Amino acid sequence: MTGRLTKRAAEPQGGLLVEPPISRERASEIVAQIISDRAWQQIRAAFHDHGRRERALAASKLSRSKGDDQSWHMRKDAASKAIEAAMAKLDAVRSKHDFFLEEASEIYAIKSQGRSAAANENARRALDEAYAALLRAVTIVERAEPMEIETPTAAYSRDLLVRKIRNALADDGIETRLSTGFDLGQLERKVRLTDLSAFEKLIAGFLIGDEKHPAAFSAWLRGALADGEKQG
């Protein structure tokens, strides 16, 4: 599995489900065959899985590189420093404006409630609670240690997606023929998207891969699906 998996330092966070970028009707038009509801649900499930893998890739890396914005260690250090800076500013407000905070709290309570300020209406106390919350937050961040979770690389995730789409269509009796490198190479002009098979056009319609370079796109798709067959 060399080159197919990468490691992340944390579990993926939640997010919206990734759906096919085109409708079942439009997809059916591209392949010139009606895609059944069963096959379409399988295609949607493939996109959902792909979206989860994309979210996993967005998690922090185990990298210690200072130039890597996705590094767990760099993110941890940056988060700790940011919270500590906020604590310092908050502490400065408490120290510099302590007397005024008491005055403001009392005046606000009298004008709005017709009485002296209760403990939970005191601005200084609110700042004390905010400081305590920031202290808890920085403690959590500093004590957290990275995990080691394997997830498919972005390239391998795309390969898995197109394989599942191909299998869903094939099981539905829909042709999933690919163009051959030989046939495309016989063209006396630059390969166009219109030269590709219906299945390849569908994958392009799903915005998977780089359809702006049709010849390379077709070659990638042949490799991704052939590799999947080798893996069984």
Protein backbone atom coordinates (compact mmCIF):
# COMPACT_ATOMS: atom_id res chain seq x y z
CA MET A 1 0.00 0.00 0.00
CA THR A 2 3.03 2.24 -0.33
CA GLY A 3 2.02 5.66 -1.58
CA ARG A 4 -1.67 4.97 -1.06
CA LEU A 5 -1.94 5.78 2.63
CA THR A 6 -0.85 8.76 4.65
CA LYS A 7 -0.99 9.49 8.36
CA ARG A 8 -2.87 12.12 10.29
CA ALA A 9 -2.63 13.18 13.94
CA ALA A 10 -6.37 13.33 14.66
CA GLU A 11 -9.75 11.94 13.69
CA PRO A 12 -11.64 13.85 10.96
CA GLN A 13 -14.14 16.42 12.15
CA GLY A 14 -17.78 16.42 11.09
CA GLY A 15 -19.08 18.09 7.97
CA LEU A 16 -21.71 18.01 5.26
CA LEU A 17 -22.07 14.96 3.05
CA VAL A 18 -20.41 15.29 -0.34
CA GLU A 19 -22.93 14.67 -3.12
CA PRO A 20 -22.44 14.11 -6.87
CA PRO A 21 -22.14 17.55 -8.54
CA ILE A 22 -24.71 16.66 -11.20
CA SER A 23 -28.16 15.07 -11.04
CA ARG A 24 -29.02 11.47 -11.90
CA GLU A 25 -30.92 12.75 -14.94
CA ARG A 26 -27.90 14.65 -16.24
CA ALA A 27 -25.62 11.67 -15.59
CA SER A 28 -28.03 9.45 -17.52
CA GLU A 29 -27.94 11.88 -20.43
CA ILE A 30 -24.14 11.74 -20.53
CA VAL A 31 -24.00 7.93 -20.70
CA ALA A 32 -27.12 7.81 -22.91
CA GLN A 33 -28.65 5.20 -20.61
CA ILE A 34 -30.97 5.45 -17.64
CA ILE A 35 -29.10 5.04 -14.37
CA SER A 36 -31.30 3.15 -11.92
CA ASP A 37 -32.09 4.50 -8.48
CA ARG A 38 -30.13 1.61 -6.96
CA ALA A 39 -26.99 2.43 -8.95
CA TRP A 40 -27.38 6.13 -8.21
CA GLN A 41 -27.61 5.47 -4.48
CA GLN A 42 -24.38 3.48 -4.73
CA ILE A 43 -22.75 6.39 -6.56
CA ARG A 44 -23.96 8.80 -3.89
CA ALA A 45 -22.56 6.51 -1.19
CA ALA A 46 -19.22 6.51 -3.04
CA PHE A 47 -19.18 10.31 -2.94
CA HIS A 48 -20.10 10.28 0.75
CA ASP A 49 -17.14 8.00 1.48
CA HIS A 50 -14.87 10.20 -0.63
CA GLY A 51 -15.99 13.27 1.33
CA ARG A 52 -15.18 11.56 4.62
CA ARG A 53 -11.72 10.73 3.32
CA GLU A 54 -11.24 14.35 2.25
CA ARG A 55 -12.18 15.50 5.76
CA ALA A 56 -9.69 13.01 7.19
CA LEU A 57 -6.97 14.54 5.02
CA ALA A 58 -7.80 17.99 6.39
CA ALA A 59 -6.85 16.84 9.90
CA SER A 60 -3.45 17.82 11.29
CA LYS A 61 -0.37 16.02 10.02
CA LEU A 62 2.28 14.37 12.18
CA SER A 63 4.85 16.58 10.45
CA ARG A 64 7.16 18.73 12.58
CA SER A 65 8.10 20.97 9.64
CA LYS A 66 7.91 24.66 10.54
CA GLY A 67 6.83 25.41 7.00
CA ASP A 68 3.82 23.07 7.15
CA ASP A 69 0.66 24.92 8.19
CA GLN A 70 -1.07 21.55 8.64
CA SER A 71 1.52 20.25 11.12
CA TRP A 72 0.03 19.13 14.45
CA HIS A 73 2.99 20.52 16.34
CA MET A 74 2.90 23.89 14.57
CA ARG A 75 -0.85 24.17 15.04
CA LYS A 76 -0.56 23.23 18.71
CA ASP A 77 2.16 25.80 19.31
CA ALA A 78 0.24 28.52 17.45
CA ALA A 79 -3.00 27.77 19.32
CA SER A 80 -1.26 27.80 22.72
CA LYS A 81 0.44 31.11 21.98
CA ALA A 82 -2.80 32.66 20.72
CA ILE A 83 -4.71 31.63 23.87
CA GLU A 84 -1.89 32.82 26.12
CA ALA A 85 -1.88 36.17 24.30
CA ALA A 86 -5.63 36.49 24.87
CA MET A 87 -5.13 35.67 28.56
CA ALA A 88 -2.46 38.36 28.86
CA LYS A 89 -4.73 40.97 27.28
CA LEU A 90 -7.63 39.93 29.50
CA ASP A 91 -5.45 40.13 32.59
CA ALA A 92 -4.32 43.60 31.58
CA VAL A 93 -7.95 44.74 31.32
CA ARG A 94 -8.69 43.37 34.78
CA SER A 95 -5.68 45.11 36.29
CA LYS A 96 -6.04 48.45 34.54
CA HIS A 97 -9.82 48.84 34.66
CA ASP A 98 -10.73 46.98 37.86
CA PHE A 99 -12.32 49.98 39.64
CA PHE A 100 -14.24 51.14 36.59
CA LEU A 101 -15.60 47.65 35.94
CA GLU A 102 -17.18 47.69 39.40
CA GLU A 103 -18.67 51.15 38.77
CA ALA A 104 -20.05 50.20 35.38
CA SER A 105 -21.60 47.00 36.72
CA GLU A 106 -23.37 48.87 39.52
CA ILE A 107 -24.72 51.64 37.28
CA TYR A 108 -25.94 49.15 34.67
CA ALA A 109 -27.80 47.12 37.30
CA ILE A 110 -29.43 50.16 38.88
CA LYS A 111 -30.62 51.58 35.57
CA SER A 112 -31.77 48.29 34.05
CA GLN A 113 -32.94 46.40 37.14
CA GLY A 114 -33.55 49.13 39.72
CA ARG A 115 -31.16 47.50 42.19
CA SER A 116 -27.48 46.86 42.91
CA ALA A 117 -25.61 44.43 40.71
CA ALA A 118 -25.88 40.76 41.57
CA ALA A 119 -22.74 38.62 41.50
CA ASN A 120 -23.58 37.20 38.08
CA GLU A 121 -24.05 40.73 36.67
CA ASN A 122 -20.58 41.94 37.60
CA ALA A 123 -18.32 42.76 34.62
CA ARG A 124 -15.16 41.98 36.59
CA ARG A 125 -16.52 38.58 37.54
CA ALA A 126 -17.38 37.91 33.88
CA LEU A 127 -13.77 38.64 32.95
CA ASP A 128 -12.55 36.35 35.74
CA GLU A 129 -14.72 33.53 34.38
CA ALA A 130 -13.45 34.18 30.84
CA TYR A 131 -9.86 34.02 32.10
CA ALA A 132 -10.57 30.72 33.86
CA ALA A 133 -12.12 29.33 30.66
CA LEU A 134 -9.06 30.35 28.64
CA LEU A 135 -6.83 28.70 31.24
CA ARG A 136 -8.79 25.47 30.85
CA ALA A 137 -8.52 25.74 27.07
CA VAL A 138 -4.75 26.21 27.03
CA THR A 139 -4.35 23.32 29.47
CA ILE A 140 -6.33 21.05 27.13
CA VAL A 141 -4.26 22.12 24.12
CA GLU A 142 -0.91 21.73 25.84
CA ARG A 143 -1.72 18.30 27.28
CA ALA A 144 -3.13 16.89 24.03
CA GLU A 145 -0.86 14.48 22.16
CA PRO A 146 -1.22 13.51 18.48
CA MET A 147 -2.72 10.21 17.39
CA GLU A 148 -1.48 8.20 14.42
CA ILE A 149 -4.29 7.48 11.98
CA GLU A 150 -3.88 6.09 8.47
CA THR A 151 -6.10 7.40 5.69
CA PRO A 152 -5.99 7.16 1.88
CA THR A 153 -4.06 9.87 0.06
CA ALA A 154 -6.01 12.33 -2.07
CA ALA A 155 -4.93 10.53 -5.25
CA TYR A 156 -5.85 7.08 -3.97
CA SER A 157 -9.17 8.40 -2.66
CA ARG A 158 -10.04 9.58 -6.19
CA ASP A 159 -9.06 6.16 -7.54
CA LEU A 160 -11.38 4.47 -5.04
CA LEU A 161 -14.19 6.83 -6.00
CA VAL A 162 -14.01 6.14 -9.74
CA ARG A 163 -13.78 2.39 -9.11
CA LYS A 164 -16.97 2.43 -7.04
CA ILE A 165 -18.73 4.51 -9.69
CA ARG A 166 -17.58 2.10 -12.41
CA ASN A 167 -18.75 -0.91 -10.39
CA ALA A 168 -22.16 0.65 -9.68
CA LEU A 169 -22.73 1.35 -13.36
CA ALA A 170 -21.41 -2.01 -14.53
CA ASP A 171 -23.70 -3.84 -12.10
CA ASP A 172 -26.53 -1.78 -13.57
CA GLY A 173 -25.69 -3.00 -17.08
CA ILE A 174 -24.32 0.37 -18.20
CA GLU A 175 -21.26 0.41 -20.43
CA THR A 176 -18.08 1.61 -18.75
CA ARG A 177 -15.75 1.39 -21.74
CA LEU A 178 -12.55 3.43 -21.70
CA SER A 179 -10.74 5.01 -24.62
CA THR A 180 -7.46 3.35 -25.55
CA GLY A 181 -4.22 5.22 -25.60
CA PHE A 182 -3.57 3.82 -29.07
CA ASP A 183 -6.81 5.16 -30.55
CA LEU A 184 -6.35 8.59 -29.01
CA GLY A 185 -2.76 8.63 -30.25
CA GLN A 186 -3.96 8.14 -33.84
CA LEU A 187 -5.78 11.46 -33.86
CA GLU A 188 -4.06 14.07 -35.98
CA ARG A 189 -5.02 16.84 -33.58
CA LYS A 190 -5.07 17.48 -29.87
CA VAL A 191 -7.39 15.12 -27.99
CA ARG A 192 -10.69 16.70 -26.94
CA LEU A 193 -13.16 15.71 -24.26
CA THR A 194 -15.62 14.82 -27.01
CA ASP A 195 -13.18 12.13 -28.19
CA LEU A 196 -13.50 10.22 -24.93
CA SER A 197 -15.98 7.47 -24.09
CA ALA A 198 -19.33 8.17 -22.44
CA PHE A 199 -18.06 6.77 -19.15
CA GLU A 200 -15.01 9.02 -19.24
CA LYS A 201 -17.24 12.01 -19.99
CA LEU A 202 -19.37 11.07 -16.98
CA ILE A 203 -16.34 10.99 -14.68
CA ALA A 204 -15.37 14.41 -16.08
CA GLY A 205 -18.94 15.57 -15.41
CA PHE A 206 -18.51 14.43 -11.81
CA LEU A 207 -15.49 16.78 -11.64
CA ILE A 208 -13.10 13.97 -10.75
CA GLY A 209 -9.60 14.36 -12.17
CA ASP A 210 -8.30 16.97 -14.62
CA GLU A 211 -10.58 16.88 -17.65
CA LYS A 212 -8.89 19.99 -19.06
CA HIS A 213 -6.23 17.67 -20.46
CA PRO A 214 -8.36 14.86 -21.95
CA ALA A 215 -5.50 12.57 -23.08
CA ALA A 216 -3.83 12.63 -19.66
CA PHE A 217 -7.25 12.36 -17.99
CA SER A 218 -8.05 9.21 -19.96
CA ALA A 219 -4.63 7.72 -19.18
CA TRP A 220 -5.13 8.40 -15.47
CA LEU A 221 -8.56 6.79 -15.53
CA ARG A 222 -7.25 3.69 -17.31
CA GLY A 223 -4.49 3.38 -14.72
CA ALA A 224 -6.80 3.87 -11.76
CA LEU A 225 -9.27 1.24 -12.92
CA ALA A 226 -6.63 -1.23 -14.11
CA ASP A 227 -4.88 -0.98 -10.76
CA GLY A 228 -8.17 -1.67 -9.02
CA GLU A 229 -8.61 -4.85 -11.04
CA LYS A 230 -5.12 -6.00 -10.05
CA GLN A 231 -6.00 -5.45 -6.39
CA GLY A 232 -9.11 -7.57 -6.85
